[in-house]
Protein backbone atom coordinates (compact mmCIF):
# COMPACT_ATOMS: atom_id res chain seq x y z
CA MET A 1 210.57 4.11 68.42
CA ARG A 2 214.23 4.03 69.39
CA ARG A 3 215.59 1.41 71.75
CA HIS A 4 218.60 1.92 73.96
CA ARG A 5 220.94 -1.05 73.95
CA GLY A 6 222.38 -1.16 77.45
CA ARG A 7 225.55 -2.72 78.60
CA PRO A 8 225.74 -6.51 78.31
CA GLY A 9 223.24 -8.05 80.69
CA GLU A 10 221.29 -4.77 81.03
CA PRO A 11 217.71 -4.80 79.71
CA GLY A 12 216.87 -2.51 76.85
CA ARG A 13 214.89 0.75 77.63
CA CYS A 14 212.48 2.56 75.37
CA LEU A 15 213.10 6.27 74.72
CA LEU A 16 209.74 7.80 73.80
CA PRO A 17 209.63 11.30 72.24
CA LEU A 18 208.14 13.84 74.68
CA PRO A 19 205.25 16.07 73.62
CA ALA A 20 206.34 19.69 72.97
CA PRO A 21 204.35 21.21 75.91
CA LEU A 22 205.97 18.78 78.34
CA GLN A 23 209.42 19.58 76.93
CA LEU A 24 208.78 23.31 77.59
CA LEU A 25 207.59 22.59 81.12
CA LEU A 26 210.70 20.54 81.91
CA LEU A 27 212.88 23.29 80.47
CA TRP A 28 211.17 25.92 82.63
CA LEU A 29 211.60 23.78 85.73
CA ALA A 30 215.25 23.21 84.90
CA CYS A 31 215.85 26.95 84.47
CA GLY A 32 214.27 27.61 87.85
CA ALA A 33 216.38 24.94 89.49
CA LEU A 34 219.53 26.41 87.97
CA GLY A 35 218.81 29.89 89.30
CA GLY A 36 217.01 31.34 86.29
CA PRO A 37 214.39 34.09 86.58
CA ALA A 38 211.70 33.25 89.13
CA VAL A 39 208.05 34.16 88.87
CA ALA A 40 206.57 36.08 91.82
CA ALA A 41 203.36 34.92 93.42
CA GLU A 42 200.42 37.32 93.21
CA LEU A 43 197.80 38.47 95.69
CA ARG A 44 194.76 39.63 93.76
CA ILE A 45 192.89 42.69 95.05
CA CYS A 46 189.93 44.68 93.73
CA GLN A 47 190.48 47.80 95.89
CA ALA A 48 193.56 49.19 94.15
CA ASP A 49 192.84 52.88 93.47
CA PRO A 50 196.04 54.58 94.70
CA GLN A 51 194.16 57.75 95.66
CA ARG A 52 191.91 55.84 98.04
CA TYR A 53 193.90 52.74 98.98
CA ALA A 54 197.60 53.64 98.86
CA TYR A 55 197.98 53.10 102.60
CA ARG A 56 196.11 49.78 102.69
CA MET A 57 198.17 48.48 99.78
CA ALA A 58 201.40 49.62 101.45
CA LEU A 59 200.31 47.91 104.68
CA SER A 60 199.49 44.71 102.81
CA THR A 61 202.88 44.77 101.10
CA LEU A 62 204.62 45.28 104.46
CA ILE A 63 202.77 42.30 105.94
CA LEU A 64 203.70 40.12 102.98
CA GLN A 65 207.36 41.14 103.29
CA ARG A 66 207.42 40.35 107.01
CA THR A 67 206.00 36.87 106.40
CA GLU A 68 208.16 35.74 103.48
CA THR A 69 209.77 32.36 103.83
CA ALA A 70 213.52 31.97 103.50
CA SER A 71 212.93 30.17 100.20
CA GLN A 72 210.90 33.09 98.82
CA ALA A 73 213.57 35.59 99.82
CA THR A 74 216.33 33.49 98.23
CA LYS A 75 214.47 32.83 94.99
CA LYS A 76 213.06 36.38 94.70
CA THR A 77 209.49 35.08 94.57
CA ALA A 78 207.99 37.53 97.07
CA THR A 79 204.23 37.85 96.79
CA GLN A 80 203.13 40.93 94.84
CA LEU A 81 199.80 42.75 94.87
CA ARG A 82 197.93 42.73 91.57
CA ALA A 83 194.79 44.67 90.73
CA TYR A 84 191.96 42.43 89.53
CA GLU A 85 191.46 44.58 86.46
CA ASP A 86 192.68 47.80 84.87
CA GLY A 87 190.64 50.95 85.16
CA PRO A 88 188.37 52.07 88.00
CA ASP A 89 187.88 49.73 90.94
CA PRO A 90 184.72 47.62 90.94
CA THR A 91 181.93 48.64 93.29
CA GLN A 92 182.00 47.32 96.84
CA GLU A 93 179.28 44.80 96.07
CA ARG A 94 181.18 43.60 93.02
CA CYS A 95 184.35 43.23 95.10
CA LEU A 96 182.49 41.04 97.57
CA GLY A 97 181.17 38.96 94.69
CA LEU A 98 184.70 38.51 93.35
CA LEU A 99 185.87 37.41 96.79
CA ARG A 100 183.06 34.86 97.05
CA GLU A 101 184.03 33.48 93.64
CA GLY A 102 187.71 33.27 94.60
CA ARG A 103 188.72 35.73 91.88
CA VAL A 104 190.32 38.07 94.42
CA ASP A 105 192.07 37.02 97.61
CA LEU A 106 191.02 39.62 100.18
CA VAL A 107 189.10 42.84 100.77
CA TYR A 108 189.41 45.51 103.42
CA LEU A 109 186.02 46.64 104.71
CA ALA A 110 184.15 47.77 107.78
CA PRO A 111 182.71 44.77 109.65
CA SER A 112 178.99 44.06 109.68
CA GLU A 113 177.18 41.09 111.17
CA GLN A 114 176.59 39.67 107.69
CA LEU A 115 180.21 40.07 106.58
CA LEU A 116 181.55 38.54 109.80
CA ARG A 117 179.28 35.51 109.32
CA GLU A 118 180.25 35.00 105.71
CA PHE A 119 183.98 35.74 105.69
CA ALA A 120 187.04 35.14 107.85
CA SER A 121 188.39 38.40 109.25
CA ILE A 122 191.17 39.78 111.45
CA PRO A 123 189.72 42.12 114.12
CA VAL A 124 192.43 44.78 113.92
CA ASP A 125 191.40 48.24 112.69
CA LEU A 126 193.81 49.06 109.88
CA HIS A 127 193.17 52.80 110.29
CA LYS A 128 193.46 53.03 114.10
CA GLY A 129 190.11 54.78 114.48
CA MET A 130 190.80 57.53 111.95
CA LEU A 131 188.14 56.54 109.41
CA GLY A 132 185.47 57.27 112.01
CA TYR A 133 186.23 61.00 111.81
CA ARG A 134 184.70 62.73 108.79
CA LEU A 135 184.99 66.20 107.31
CA LEU A 136 182.28 67.83 105.21
CA LEU A 137 182.78 68.85 101.61
CA ILE A 138 180.38 71.70 100.88
CA HIS A 139 179.60 74.31 98.24
CA LYS A 140 181.29 77.65 98.98
CA GLN A 141 177.96 79.45 98.77
CA ASP A 142 176.63 77.30 101.65
CA GLN A 143 179.33 78.21 104.16
CA ALA A 144 176.99 80.57 106.05
CA LEU A 145 174.46 77.71 106.46
CA PHE A 146 177.05 75.50 108.13
CA ALA A 147 178.26 78.32 110.37
CA GLN A 148 174.95 77.95 112.22
CA ILE A 149 175.22 74.18 112.73
CA ASP A 150 176.55 72.80 116.02
CA SER A 151 174.51 69.63 116.64
CA LEU A 152 172.95 66.59 115.03
CA ASP A 153 169.55 68.30 115.07
CA GLY A 154 171.00 71.19 113.12
CA LEU A 155 172.55 68.84 110.56
CA ARG A 156 169.14 67.25 110.04
CA GLN A 157 168.01 70.50 108.40
CA LEU A 158 170.44 69.89 105.53
CA SER A 159 170.85 67.03 103.06
CA GLY A 160 173.88 64.88 102.44
CA GLY A 161 175.00 62.90 99.42
CA PHE A 162 176.40 59.37 99.62
CA GLY A 163 176.86 56.08 97.77
CA ARG A 164 174.03 53.61 98.34
CA GLN A 165 176.37 50.61 98.17
CA TRP A 166 178.80 51.92 100.79
CA THR A 167 178.86 50.14 104.13
CA ASP A 168 177.92 53.17 106.22
CA TYR A 169 175.03 54.40 104.04
CA GLY A 170 172.55 53.19 106.65
CA LEU A 171 173.70 55.78 109.19
CA PHE A 172 171.62 58.44 107.43
CA ALA A 173 168.31 56.66 108.03
CA ARG A 174 169.31 55.60 111.53
CA ASN A 175 170.10 59.18 112.51
CA ARG A 176 167.21 60.71 110.55
CA LEU A 177 169.56 62.59 108.26
CA PRO A 178 168.22 63.46 104.77
CA VAL A 179 170.33 61.95 102.02
CA VAL A 180 170.56 61.74 98.24
CA GLY A 181 171.79 58.22 97.53
CA VAL A 182 173.56 57.35 94.28
CA ALA A 183 174.68 54.11 92.69
CA GLN A 184 178.01 55.48 91.45
CA GLY A 185 179.96 57.40 94.06
CA GLN A 186 182.13 59.05 91.39
CA SER A 187 179.24 61.40 90.55
CA LEU A 188 178.88 62.89 94.03
CA LEU A 189 181.41 65.73 93.73
CA ALA A 190 179.85 67.02 90.51
CA MET A 191 176.40 66.77 92.10
CA LEU A 192 177.61 68.77 95.09
CA GLN A 193 179.01 71.44 92.76
CA SER A 194 175.52 71.57 91.18
CA ARG A 195 174.04 71.93 94.71
CA ARG A 196 171.95 68.77 94.52
CA PHE A 197 172.59 68.39 98.27
CA HIS A 198 174.46 70.33 100.95
CA TYR A 199 177.41 68.14 102.01
CA PHE A 200 179.38 65.01 101.23
CA HIS A 201 181.28 63.67 104.22
CA ARG A 202 184.73 62.23 103.63
CA ALA A 203 187.52 60.67 105.68
CA LEU A 204 190.34 62.98 106.72
CA HIS A 205 192.70 61.63 104.07
CA GLU A 206 190.05 61.91 101.36
CA ALA A 207 188.66 65.42 101.84
CA TRP A 208 191.44 67.65 100.48
CA ALA A 209 192.82 64.92 98.22
CA GLU A 210 189.55 64.68 96.31
CA LEU A 211 189.34 68.43 95.84
CA ASP A 212 192.96 68.50 94.62
CA ALA A 213 192.17 65.71 92.17
CA HIS A 214 189.23 67.70 90.69
CA PRO A 215 190.44 71.30 90.25
CA ALA A 216 187.60 72.09 87.84
CA LEU A 217 185.15 71.73 90.75
CA ASP A 218 186.36 75.02 92.13
CA GLN A 219 183.19 75.90 94.04
CA LEU A 220 183.76 73.15 96.60
CA MET A 221 185.61 73.45 99.91
CA VAL A 222 186.26 71.62 103.17
CA GLU A 223 183.92 73.04 105.82
CA PRO A 224 186.24 74.56 108.51
CA ARG A 225 184.28 74.16 111.78
CA LEU A 226 182.64 70.75 111.94
CA ALA A 227 183.49 67.06 111.91
CA LEU A 228 181.34 63.96 112.23
CA HIS A 229 182.33 60.96 114.30
CA TYR A 230 181.06 57.38 114.34
CA PRO A 231 182.85 54.05 114.94
CA PHE A 232 184.13 52.72 111.63
CA PRO A 233 186.95 50.16 111.84
CA VAL A 234 188.30 48.48 108.72
CA TYR A 235 189.30 44.82 108.78
CA TYR A 236 191.00 42.43 106.39
CA MET A 237 188.48 39.85 105.15
CA PHE A 238 189.12 36.54 103.39
CA ARG A 239 187.14 33.55 102.20
CA LYS A 240 186.72 31.09 105.06
CA GLN A 241 188.48 28.37 103.10
CA ASP A 242 191.58 30.56 102.72
CA GLN A 243 192.70 30.06 106.31
CA ALA A 244 196.40 29.87 105.42
CA LEU A 245 196.29 33.36 103.91
CA ARG A 246 194.33 34.76 106.85
CA GLN A 247 196.83 33.23 109.28
CA ARG A 248 199.72 34.71 107.31
CA PHE A 249 198.19 38.19 107.57
CA GLU A 250 197.36 37.71 111.24
CA GLN A 251 200.96 36.70 111.93
CA GLY A 252 202.27 39.62 109.86
CA LEU A 253 200.08 42.14 111.69
CA ALA A 254 201.34 40.84 115.04
CA ARG A 255 204.95 41.20 113.88
CA ILE A 256 204.61 44.77 112.62
CA GLN A 257 202.70 45.80 115.73
CA ALA A 258 205.49 44.38 117.89
CA ASP A 259 208.38 45.99 115.99
CA GLY A 260 206.71 49.41 115.56
CA SER A 261 206.61 49.36 111.76
CA PHE A 262 202.78 49.39 111.70
CA ASP A 263 202.72 52.69 113.64
CA ALA A 264 205.56 54.12 111.56
CA LEU A 265 203.78 53.36 108.28
CA PHE A 266 200.52 54.83 109.58
CA LEU A 267 202.18 58.07 110.66
CA ARG A 268 204.01 58.45 107.35
CA HIS A 269 200.66 58.37 105.57
CA PHE A 270 198.43 60.24 108.00
CA GLN A 271 200.23 62.37 110.59
CA ALA A 272 200.31 65.50 108.41
CA ILE A 273 196.65 64.99 107.47
CA ALA A 274 195.62 64.67 111.13
CA ARG A 275 197.38 67.94 111.91
CA ARG A 276 195.76 69.68 108.96
CA ALA A 277 192.30 68.52 110.05
CA ARG A 278 192.67 70.24 113.48
CA LEU A 279 190.03 68.05 115.08
CA SER A 280 190.71 69.55 118.50
CA THR A 281 189.40 72.91 117.23
CA ARG A 282 186.26 71.54 115.54
CA THR A 283 182.78 70.84 116.86
CA ILE A 284 182.45 67.06 116.73
CA ILE A 285 178.94 65.79 115.95
CA GLU A 286 178.49 62.23 117.20
CA ILE A 287 176.61 59.93 114.82
CA GLU A 288 174.96 56.71 116.00
CA TYR A 289 176.32 53.76 114.08
CA PRO A 290 176.13 50.40 115.87
CA LEU A 291 178.81 47.80 115.25
CA PRO A 292 178.48 44.03 115.70
CA ALA A 293 178.78 42.97 119.33
CA GLY A 294 182.11 41.84 120.71
CA LEU A 295 184.50 43.81 118.51
CA PRO A 296 187.68 44.95 120.27
CA ALA A 297 188.08 48.60 121.25
CA VAL A 298 190.18 50.77 118.96
CA ASP A 299 193.08 52.83 120.28
CA ALA A 300 193.33 56.13 118.38
CA SER A 301 195.84 57.75 120.73
CA LEU A 302 198.74 57.38 118.27
CA TRP A 303 197.38 60.15 116.02
CA LEU A 304 194.40 61.73 117.80
CA LYS A 305 196.50 63.13 120.66
CA SER A 306 199.37 64.22 118.46
CA PRO A 307 200.33 67.88 118.87
CA PRO A 308 198.82 70.25 116.27
């Protein structure tokens, strides 16, 4: 042990050797203080498939940008989205389990009474009512069958396919619609090609995109006359103990609603799709799907009344 001999009258001080890990930590802190490379914070998500969630991820990034602190902007430490794992997204139930365990930071899901009790949410529909409108993917050889359908009773004569873990699976039983339920939603398109059921209903932004992503399934098509409708808002949900993060997103949503950037982002992603869907020319079949009491009304006028 070395001793420092101070100036006359100054007590001696011991200089102890620092452990290597502590030396590295102090060096890292010093580099940050001197303007070295900063490390960005991360927001962990489990719904990161760009085909399905590109808009929700872009919206989340916009909210994070609008709520950066001056310090974050100066030090280039803006929060970045990070997928929980590589490869396909976990199932919805698995995502909820990861949120409960604190291994992801948020999910975006349709509200149910159970989810609203368990998690903190922001009651703003991220999709402005659009997810409640569904188009039917069908087999080309069944087009004549669907040409005769114009009501819920008619649809009850045919069978749908759907994922059992998806939030809106229960609408089939509630509306007395026959359904083939599967554990893995990825198998549904191939099953429809094999004519295991008659239709697979998809959101407007999913219908053509999924066919384009699977060109080998060339016997499938978007049914041209019909659309289903049921209320299906999507909310941000957080663990109840993560109130600071929920408040940040609530503040960010308010800011982008006020400055128009929320609407602008939505239209960039969905205006062309809404026009392609031509809902005003389709027979809309209303599906009963009750939501928890007290949810705010959703204004779909931004896109639903857009000119064709």
